[in-house]
Amino acid sequence: MARGTDATREAETSGETDPERGTLEDAYVAAIQHDLVDLPPETTLVGVVRRPTGWFHSSVDENVLELAPPESLLESFKGRVEDMKMQGLCEEGAHNAAWDEVGFEEAYRDHLEESAEAQDALSDLEERLESGESLTLVCFENTEKKRCHRTILREVLEGDDETA
């Protein structure tokens, strides 16, 4: 099955696979809308965005708001992106520089670890994977160009991270 580098990654990467466990993949919404990614038909498309639009909702099966970045982090981040674009950086450059400047990854990991709602949502997705359901995490960013919280979330769910 052909897959874009941003679109997917099997949950089991260590060589030890659990045949009962579902797969965990990720994709950005535009890739799904424009058929740029080949996802298994049985995968559940799980949005993980704070501000889903109507067209986003129509592209996913559900949105788990609790796993989106906190509003305060998004506001700080988006403000810095705009400032950096005004200083002449391109969209991708501003996005990635602002990510570093506001400490986005650390703040998002803290959110996943400290929020009871995020912990409950993580547990729910982990149980679904363990029961054999295949999941694809979906948000807006093409990670070939920009950093994205869904890759951190995927790492946590795959157990590649101490936050889980």
N, C-alpha and C. Protein backbone atom coordinates (compact mmCIF):
# COMPACT_ATOMS: atom_id res chain seq x y z
N MET A 1 0.85 -1.17 0.00
CA MET A 1 0.00 0.00 0.00
C MET A 1 0.90 1.24 0.00
N ALA A 2 0.72 2.16 -0.92
CA ALA A 2 1.53 3.37 -1.00
C ALA A 2 1.13 4.33 0.09
N ARG A 3 2.11 4.94 0.71
CA ARG A 3 1.83 5.88 1.80
C ARG A 3 2.79 7.05 1.68
N GLY A 4 2.29 8.26 2.00
CA GLY A 4 3.15 9.43 2.08
C GLY A 4 3.96 9.37 3.36
N THR A 5 5.13 10.00 3.38
CA THR A 5 5.97 9.94 4.56
C THR A 5 5.30 10.62 5.75
N ASP A 6 4.51 11.64 5.54
CA ASP A 6 3.81 12.32 6.62
C ASP A 6 2.61 11.53 7.09
N ALA A 7 2.06 10.74 6.22
CA ALA A 7 0.74 10.21 6.47
C ALA A 7 0.66 9.11 7.51
N THR A 8 1.58 8.18 7.52
CA THR A 8 1.35 7.03 8.38
C THR A 8 2.64 6.45 8.93
N ARG A 9 2.46 5.71 10.00
CA ARG A 9 3.52 4.90 10.56
C ARG A 9 2.87 3.84 11.41
N GLU A 10 3.29 2.60 11.23
CA GLU A 10 2.74 1.51 12.01
C GLU A 10 3.06 1.73 13.47
N ALA A 11 2.13 1.35 14.36
CA ALA A 11 2.34 1.50 15.79
C ALA A 11 3.46 0.62 16.29
N GLU A 12 3.60 -0.56 15.72
CA GLU A 12 4.62 -1.49 16.19
C GLU A 12 5.87 -1.32 15.36
N THR A 13 6.94 -0.80 15.98
CA THR A 13 8.17 -0.57 15.25
C THR A 13 9.33 -1.40 15.77
N SER A 14 9.14 -2.10 16.85
CA SER A 14 10.24 -2.82 17.48
C SER A 14 10.46 -4.21 16.91
N GLY A 15 9.58 -4.67 16.04
CA GLY A 15 9.69 -6.02 15.53
C GLY A 15 8.81 -6.99 16.30
N GLU A 16 8.44 -6.61 17.52
CA GLU A 16 7.53 -7.44 18.31
C GLU A 16 6.12 -6.90 18.10
N THR A 17 5.32 -7.60 17.33
CA THR A 17 3.99 -7.12 17.03
C THR A 17 2.96 -7.94 17.77
N ASP A 18 1.89 -7.29 18.15
CA ASP A 18 0.76 -7.93 18.79
C ASP A 18 -0.32 -8.03 17.72
N PRO A 19 -0.64 -9.26 17.26
CA PRO A 19 -1.61 -9.39 16.16
C PRO A 19 -3.00 -8.90 16.54
N GLU A 20 -3.28 -8.77 17.82
CA GLU A 20 -4.59 -8.28 18.26
C GLU A 20 -4.65 -6.76 18.31
N ARG A 21 -3.52 -6.11 18.41
CA ARG A 21 -3.47 -4.66 18.56
C ARG A 21 -3.76 -3.98 17.22
N GLY A 22 -4.54 -2.93 17.27
CA GLY A 22 -4.79 -2.14 16.08
C GLY A 22 -3.57 -1.32 15.71
N THR A 23 -3.55 -0.79 14.51
CA THR A 23 -2.45 0.05 14.07
C THR A 23 -2.74 1.50 14.43
N LEU A 24 -1.66 2.26 14.58
CA LEU A 24 -1.76 3.68 14.86
C LEU A 24 -1.02 4.42 13.77
N GLU A 25 -1.70 5.33 13.12
CA GLU A 25 -1.13 6.09 12.03
C GLU A 25 -1.49 7.56 12.23
N ASP A 26 -0.97 8.42 11.40
CA ASP A 26 -1.37 9.83 11.44
C ASP A 26 -1.40 10.41 10.05
N ALA A 27 -2.20 11.44 9.88
CA ALA A 27 -2.34 12.11 8.59
C ALA A 27 -2.82 13.53 8.81
N TYR A 28 -2.59 14.37 7.85
CA TYR A 28 -3.17 15.71 7.92
C TYR A 28 -4.43 15.74 7.06
N VAL A 29 -5.36 16.58 7.45
CA VAL A 29 -6.70 16.53 6.88
C VAL A 29 -6.72 16.77 5.37
N ALA A 30 -5.88 17.66 4.87
CA ALA A 30 -5.88 17.92 3.42
C ALA A 30 -5.46 16.68 2.64
N ALA A 31 -4.54 15.89 3.18
CA ALA A 31 -4.12 14.66 2.51
C ALA A 31 -5.29 13.68 2.42
N ILE A 32 -6.10 13.65 3.45
CA ILE A 32 -7.28 12.77 3.43
C ILE A 32 -8.31 13.29 2.43
N GLN A 33 -8.57 14.58 2.48
CA GLN A 33 -9.57 15.18 1.59
C GLN A 33 -9.21 15.04 0.12
N HIS A 34 -7.93 15.08 -0.19
CA HIS A 34 -7.50 15.05 -1.59
C HIS A 34 -6.92 13.69 -1.99
N ASP A 35 -7.23 12.66 -1.21
CA ASP A 35 -6.79 11.30 -1.52
C ASP A 35 -5.29 11.20 -1.75
N LEU A 36 -4.51 11.90 -0.93
CA LEU A 36 -3.06 11.85 -1.03
C LEU A 36 -2.46 10.79 -0.12
N VAL A 37 -3.32 10.13 0.63
CA VAL A 37 -2.87 9.10 1.56
C VAL A 37 -3.78 7.88 1.40
N ASP A 38 -3.16 6.73 1.47
CA ASP A 38 -3.91 5.49 1.33
C ASP A 38 -4.04 4.87 2.72
N LEU A 39 -5.19 5.04 3.34
CA LEU A 39 -5.43 4.51 4.68
C LEU A 39 -6.28 3.25 4.60
N PRO A 40 -6.06 2.34 5.53
CA PRO A 40 -6.91 1.15 5.56
C PRO A 40 -8.37 1.56 5.74
N PRO A 41 -9.28 0.92 5.05
CA PRO A 41 -10.69 1.32 5.13
C PRO A 41 -11.27 1.18 6.53
N GLU A 42 -10.70 0.30 7.34
CA GLU A 42 -11.25 0.07 8.68
C GLU A 42 -10.72 1.03 9.74
N THR A 43 -9.80 1.91 9.39
CA THR A 43 -9.25 2.82 10.38
C THR A 43 -10.27 3.88 10.80
N THR A 44 -10.26 4.21 12.07
CA THR A 44 -11.09 5.29 12.59
C THR A 44 -10.27 6.57 12.54
N LEU A 45 -10.80 7.60 11.89
CA LEU A 45 -10.12 8.89 11.76
C LEU A 45 -10.45 9.72 13.00
N VAL A 46 -9.43 9.94 13.84
CA VAL A 46 -9.60 10.63 15.11
C VAL A 46 -8.95 12.00 15.04
N GLY A 47 -9.78 13.03 14.94
CA GLY A 47 -9.27 14.39 14.97
C GLY A 47 -8.77 14.73 16.36
N VAL A 48 -7.73 15.55 16.42
CA VAL A 48 -7.17 15.97 17.71
C VAL A 48 -6.88 17.48 17.64
N VAL A 49 -7.91 18.25 17.27
CA VAL A 49 -7.74 19.69 17.10
C VAL A 49 -8.61 20.47 18.08
N ARG A 50 -8.12 21.64 18.45
CA ARG A 50 -8.81 22.51 19.40
C ARG A 50 -9.96 23.26 18.75
N ARG A 51 -9.78 23.67 17.50
CA ARG A 51 -10.78 24.49 16.82
C ARG A 51 -11.22 23.83 15.51
N PRO A 52 -11.96 22.73 15.61
CA PRO A 52 -12.38 22.04 14.38
C PRO A 52 -13.43 22.85 13.62
N THR A 53 -13.27 22.90 12.32
CA THR A 53 -14.24 23.57 11.46
C THR A 53 -15.28 22.54 11.01
N GLY A 54 -16.33 23.01 10.37
CA GLY A 54 -17.33 22.09 9.83
C GLY A 54 -16.73 21.15 8.81
N TRP A 55 -15.88 21.67 7.94
CA TRP A 55 -15.26 20.80 6.93
C TRP A 55 -14.29 19.82 7.56
N PHE A 56 -13.69 20.18 8.70
CA PHE A 56 -12.81 19.23 9.39
C PHE A 56 -13.66 18.08 9.95
N HIS A 57 -14.75 18.44 10.62
CA HIS A 57 -15.65 17.42 11.18
C HIS A 57 -16.13 16.45 10.10
N SER A 58 -16.37 16.96 8.89
CA SER A 58 -16.87 16.08 7.83
C SER A 58 -15.78 15.15 7.28
N SER A 59 -14.52 15.40 7.65
CA SER A 59 -13.41 14.58 7.16
C SER A 59 -12.93 13.53 8.16
N VAL A 60 -13.42 13.60 9.40
CA VAL A 60 -13.00 12.65 10.44
C VAL A 60 -14.22 11.96 11.03
N ASP A 61 -13.97 10.88 11.74
CA ASP A 61 -15.06 10.16 12.40
C ASP A 61 -15.42 10.78 13.75
N GLU A 62 -14.43 11.40 14.39
CA GLU A 62 -14.63 12.01 15.70
C GLU A 62 -13.50 12.99 15.94
N ASN A 63 -13.68 13.89 16.89
CA ASN A 63 -12.61 14.79 17.30
C ASN A 63 -12.49 14.69 18.81
N VAL A 64 -11.26 14.46 19.30
CA VAL A 64 -11.02 14.33 20.72
C VAL A 64 -10.36 15.63 21.19
N LEU A 65 -11.19 16.57 21.59
CA LEU A 65 -10.75 17.90 22.00
C LEU A 65 -9.73 17.85 23.13
N GLU A 66 -9.86 16.87 24.02
CA GLU A 66 -8.98 16.77 25.18
C GLU A 66 -7.53 16.51 24.81
N LEU A 67 -7.29 16.03 23.58
CA LEU A 67 -5.92 15.76 23.14
C LEU A 67 -5.37 16.85 22.23
N ALA A 68 -6.14 17.90 22.05
CA ALA A 68 -5.66 19.06 21.31
C ALA A 68 -4.78 19.90 22.24
N PRO A 69 -3.91 20.71 21.68
CA PRO A 69 -3.11 21.60 22.53
C PRO A 69 -4.03 22.55 23.31
N PRO A 70 -3.65 22.92 24.52
CA PRO A 70 -4.47 23.86 25.30
C PRO A 70 -4.61 25.20 24.58
N GLU A 71 -5.72 25.84 24.79
CA GLU A 71 -6.01 27.13 24.14
C GLU A 71 -4.91 28.16 24.39
N SER A 72 -4.43 28.25 25.62
CA SER A 72 -3.40 29.24 25.96
C SER A 72 -2.11 28.99 25.16
N LEU A 73 -1.74 27.74 24.99
CA LEU A 73 -0.55 27.40 24.21
C LEU A 73 -0.76 27.76 22.74
N LEU A 74 -1.93 27.45 22.21
CA LEU A 74 -2.22 27.79 20.82
C LEU A 74 -2.17 29.30 20.59
N GLU A 75 -2.76 30.07 21.51
CA GLU A 75 -2.77 31.53 21.37
C GLU A 75 -1.35 32.09 21.37
N SER A 76 -0.54 31.63 22.31
CA SER A 76 0.84 32.09 22.40
C SER A 76 1.61 31.73 21.12
N PHE A 77 1.45 30.50 20.70
CA PHE A 77 2.13 30.01 19.51
C PHE A 77 1.70 30.79 18.26
N LYS A 78 0.40 30.91 18.05
CA LYS A 78 -0.09 31.58 16.84
C LYS A 78 0.31 33.05 16.82
N GLY A 79 0.34 33.67 17.99
CA GLY A 79 0.80 35.07 18.07
C GLY A 79 2.24 35.21 17.62
N ARG A 80 3.10 34.30 18.06
CA ARG A 80 4.51 34.33 17.66
C ARG A 80 4.67 34.03 16.17
N VAL A 81 3.85 33.11 15.65
CA VAL A 81 3.91 32.81 14.21
C VAL A 81 3.63 34.08 13.42
N GLU A 82 2.56 34.78 13.79
CA GLU A 82 2.20 36.01 13.07
C GLU A 82 3.30 37.06 13.18
N ASP A 83 3.87 37.22 14.38
CA ASP A 83 4.97 38.18 14.56
C ASP A 83 6.14 37.85 13.65
N MET A 84 6.48 36.59 13.59
CA MET A 84 7.63 36.17 12.77
C MET A 84 7.35 36.31 11.28
N LYS A 85 6.11 36.09 10.87
CA LYS A 85 5.76 36.31 9.47
C LYS A 85 5.87 37.79 9.13
N MET A 86 5.48 38.63 10.06
CA MET A 86 5.60 40.08 9.84
C MET A 86 7.07 40.50 9.73
N GLN A 87 7.95 39.73 10.33
CA GLN A 87 9.38 40.01 10.25
C GLN A 87 10.01 39.43 8.99
N GLY A 88 9.20 38.77 8.16
CA GLY A 88 9.68 38.30 6.87
C GLY A 88 9.91 36.80 6.74
N LEU A 89 9.65 36.04 7.80
CA LEU A 89 9.80 34.60 7.67
C LEU A 89 8.63 34.01 6.88
N CYS A 90 8.91 32.95 6.13
CA CYS A 90 7.84 32.26 5.41
C CYS A 90 6.96 31.53 6.42
N GLU A 91 5.81 31.05 5.97
CA GLU A 91 4.86 30.36 6.86
C GLU A 91 5.51 29.21 7.61
N GLU A 92 6.20 28.33 6.89
CA GLU A 92 6.81 27.17 7.53
C GLU A 92 7.92 27.58 8.49
N GLY A 93 8.74 28.53 8.07
CA GLY A 93 9.83 29.00 8.92
C GLY A 93 9.31 29.65 10.19
N ALA A 94 8.28 30.47 10.06
CA ALA A 94 7.68 31.13 11.22
C ALA A 94 7.06 30.10 12.16
N HIS A 95 6.36 29.14 11.58
CA HIS A 95 5.71 28.08 12.37
C HIS A 95 6.75 27.33 13.21
N ASN A 96 7.80 26.87 12.56
CA ASN A 96 8.79 26.05 13.24
C ASN A 96 9.62 26.85 14.24
N ALA A 97 9.92 28.11 13.92
CA ALA A 97 10.67 28.96 14.85
C ALA A 97 9.81 29.28 16.08
N ALA A 98 8.54 29.57 15.87
CA ALA A 98 7.64 29.86 16.98
C ALA A 98 7.46 28.62 17.87
N TRP A 99 7.41 27.45 17.25
CA TRP A 99 7.30 26.18 17.99
C TRP A 99 8.42 26.10 19.04
N ASP A 100 9.65 26.38 18.57
CA ASP A 100 10.79 26.34 19.49
C ASP A 100 10.71 27.44 20.53
N GLU A 101 10.41 28.64 20.08
CA GLU A 101 10.43 29.80 20.97
C GLU A 101 9.44 29.68 22.13
N VAL A 102 8.24 29.16 21.87
CA VAL A 102 7.24 29.05 22.94
C VAL A 102 7.36 27.74 23.72
N GLY A 103 8.30 26.89 23.33
CA GLY A 103 8.45 25.60 24.02
C GLY A 103 7.23 24.72 23.84
N PHE A 104 6.74 24.68 22.60
CA PHE A 104 5.49 23.99 22.31
C PHE A 104 5.53 22.52 22.72
N GLU A 105 6.59 21.81 22.33
CA GLU A 105 6.63 20.37 22.61
C GLU A 105 6.57 20.09 24.11
N GLU A 106 7.38 20.78 24.88
CA GLU A 106 7.38 20.56 26.34
C GLU A 106 6.02 20.92 26.94
N ALA A 107 5.45 22.04 26.52
CA ALA A 107 4.16 22.46 27.06
C ALA A 107 3.05 21.46 26.70
N TYR A 108 3.09 20.93 25.48
CA TYR A 108 2.08 19.95 25.08
C TYR A 108 2.25 18.65 25.85
N ARG A 109 3.48 18.20 26.01
CA ARG A 109 3.73 17.00 26.80
C ARG A 109 3.27 17.19 28.24
N ASP A 110 3.52 18.37 28.80
CA ASP A 110 3.04 18.67 30.16
C ASP A 110 1.52 18.57 30.22
N HIS A 111 0.85 19.11 29.20
CA HIS A 111 -0.61 19.05 29.13
C HIS A 111 -1.08 17.59 29.15
N LEU A 112 -0.47 16.76 28.33
CA LEU A 112 -0.88 15.35 28.28
C LEU A 112 -0.67 14.66 29.62
N GLU A 113 0.38 15.04 30.32
CA GLU A 113 0.70 14.40 31.59
C GLU A 113 -0.14 14.94 32.75
N GLU A 114 -0.45 16.23 32.72
CA GLU A 114 -1.08 16.88 33.87
C GLU A 114 -2.59 17.00 33.79
N SER A 115 -3.15 16.97 32.61
CA SER A 115 -4.60 17.11 32.45
C SER A 115 -5.30 15.77 32.66
N ALA A 116 -6.20 15.72 33.63
CA ALA A 116 -6.96 14.49 33.88
C ALA A 116 -7.79 14.12 32.65
N GLU A 117 -8.32 15.12 31.96
CA GLU A 117 -9.13 14.85 30.77
C GLU A 117 -8.27 14.26 29.66
N ALA A 118 -7.05 14.80 29.49
CA ALA A 118 -6.15 14.26 28.47
C ALA A 118 -5.74 12.83 28.84
N GLN A 119 -5.47 12.58 30.11
CA GLN A 119 -5.10 11.23 30.54
C GLN A 119 -6.23 10.24 30.28
N ASP A 120 -7.47 10.66 30.55
CA ASP A 120 -8.63 9.80 30.27
C ASP A 120 -8.74 9.51 28.78
N ALA A 121 -8.55 10.54 27.96
CA ALA A 121 -8.65 10.38 26.50
C ALA A 121 -7.53 9.48 25.98
N LEU A 122 -6.32 9.63 26.53
CA LEU A 122 -5.21 8.76 26.15
C LEU A 122 -5.52 7.31 26.50
N SER A 123 -6.05 7.10 27.69
CA SER A 123 -6.41 5.75 28.12
C SER A 123 -7.45 5.14 27.21
N ASP A 124 -8.42 5.95 26.81
CA ASP A 124 -9.48 5.47 25.91
C ASP A 124 -8.89 5.03 24.57
N LEU A 125 -8.03 5.86 23.99
CA LEU A 125 -7.43 5.50 22.70
C LEU A 125 -6.54 4.27 22.85
N GLU A 126 -5.80 4.17 23.94
CA GLU A 126 -4.94 3.01 24.17
C GLU A 126 -5.79 1.74 24.28
N GLU A 127 -6.89 1.80 24.99
CA GLU A 127 -7.79 0.64 25.10
C GLU A 127 -8.35 0.24 23.75
N ARG A 128 -8.69 1.23 22.95
CA ARG A 128 -9.22 0.94 21.62
C ARG A 128 -8.17 0.26 20.75
N LEU A 129 -6.93 0.73 20.82
CA LEU A 129 -5.84 0.09 20.08
C LEU A 129 -5.63 -1.34 20.57
N GLU A 130 -5.61 -1.51 21.88
CA GLU A 130 -5.40 -2.85 22.46
C GLU A 130 -6.51 -3.82 22.06
N SER A 131 -7.71 -3.29 21.86
CA SER A 131 -8.84 -4.15 21.49
C SER A 131 -8.84 -4.48 19.99
N GLY A 132 -7.88 -3.91 19.23
CA GLY A 132 -7.77 -4.23 17.82
C GLY A 132 -8.24 -3.14 16.87
N GLU A 133 -8.75 -2.05 17.39
CA GLU A 133 -9.21 -0.96 16.52
C GLU A 133 -8.00 -0.22 15.96
N SER A 134 -8.01 0.05 14.67
CA SER A 134 -6.96 0.85 14.04
C SER A 134 -7.38 2.31 14.04
N LEU A 135 -6.44 3.18 14.40
CA LEU A 135 -6.72 4.60 14.54
C LEU A 135 -5.75 5.41 13.69
N THR A 136 -6.26 6.50 13.12
CA THR A 136 -5.43 7.47 12.44
C THR A 136 -5.67 8.82 13.10
N LEU A 137 -4.62 9.41 13.68
CA LEU A 137 -4.69 10.73 14.29
C LEU A 137 -4.66 11.78 13.18
N VAL A 138 -5.56 12.76 13.27
CA VAL A 138 -5.70 13.74 12.19
C VAL A 138 -5.72 15.15 12.77
N CYS A 139 -4.96 16.04 12.14
CA CYS A 139 -5.06 17.48 12.40
C CYS A 139 -4.74 18.23 11.11
N PHE A 140 -4.36 19.48 11.22
CA PHE A 140 -4.22 20.33 10.04
C PHE A 140 -2.83 20.33 9.40
N GLU A 141 -1.79 20.09 10.18
CA GLU A 141 -0.42 20.34 9.70
C GLU A 141 0.18 19.20 8.90
N ASN A 142 0.82 19.56 7.79
CA ASN A 142 1.60 18.64 6.99
C ASN A 142 2.98 18.58 7.64
N THR A 143 3.30 17.48 8.27
CA THR A 143 4.56 17.40 9.03
C THR A 143 5.80 17.25 8.16
N GLU A 144 5.63 17.20 6.86
CA GLU A 144 6.80 17.28 5.99
C GLU A 144 7.34 18.70 5.98
N LYS A 145 6.50 19.67 6.40
CA LYS A 145 6.88 21.07 6.38
C LYS A 145 6.88 21.72 7.75
N LYS A 146 5.97 21.28 8.62
CA LYS A 146 5.79 21.94 9.92
C LYS A 146 5.74 20.91 11.04
N ARG A 147 6.16 21.34 12.20
CA ARG A 147 6.04 20.48 13.38
C ARG A 147 4.58 20.42 13.80
N CYS A 148 4.20 19.31 14.45
CA CYS A 148 2.79 19.13 14.82
C CYS A 148 2.67 18.31 16.09
N HIS A 149 1.69 18.67 16.90
CA HIS A 149 1.46 17.97 18.16
C HIS A 149 1.04 16.52 17.95
N ARG A 150 0.45 16.20 16.81
CA ARG A 150 -0.04 14.83 16.63
C ARG A 150 1.11 13.83 16.56
N THR A 151 2.30 14.26 16.14
CA THR A 151 3.43 13.34 16.15
C THR A 151 3.88 13.05 17.58
N ILE A 152 3.79 14.02 18.44
CA ILE A 152 4.08 13.81 19.87
C ILE A 152 3.04 12.87 20.46
N LEU A 153 1.80 13.12 20.14
CA LEU A 153 0.70 12.28 20.63
C LEU A 153 0.89 10.84 20.16
N ARG A 154 1.27 10.66 18.92
CA ARG A 154 1.51 9.32 18.40
C ARG A 154 2.63 8.63 19.18
N GLU A 155 3.72 9.35 19.44
CA GLU A 155 4.82 8.80 20.23
C GLU A 155 4.35 8.34 21.61
N VAL A 156 3.53 9.16 22.24
CA VAL A 156 3.01 8.82 23.57
C VAL A 156 2.18 7.55 23.49
N LEU A 157 1.29 7.47 22.52
CA LEU A 157 0.44 6.29 22.39
C LEU A 157 1.22 5.04 22.01
N GLU A 158 2.31 5.21 21.28
CA GLU A 158 3.15 4.08 20.89
C GLU A 158 4.05 3.64 22.03
N GLY A 159 4.09 4.41 23.09
CA GLY A 159 4.93 4.06 24.22
C GLY A 159 6.37 4.45 24.05
N ASP A 160 6.66 5.32 23.07
CA ASP A 160 8.02 5.81 22.83
C ASP A 160 8.33 6.99 23.73
N ASP A 161 7.46 7.24 24.73
CA ASP A 161 7.56 8.43 25.52
C ASP A 161 7.19 8.10 26.96
N GLU A 162 7.85 8.73 27.90
CA GLU A 162 7.59 8.50 29.31
C GLU A 162 6.27 9.10 29.79
N THR A 163 5.62 9.96 28.98
CA THR A 163 4.39 10.62 29.39
C THR A 163 3.23 9.64 29.46
N ALA A 164 3.24 8.60 28.65
CA ALA A 164 2.11 7.68 28.58
C ALA A 164 1.85 6.97 29.88
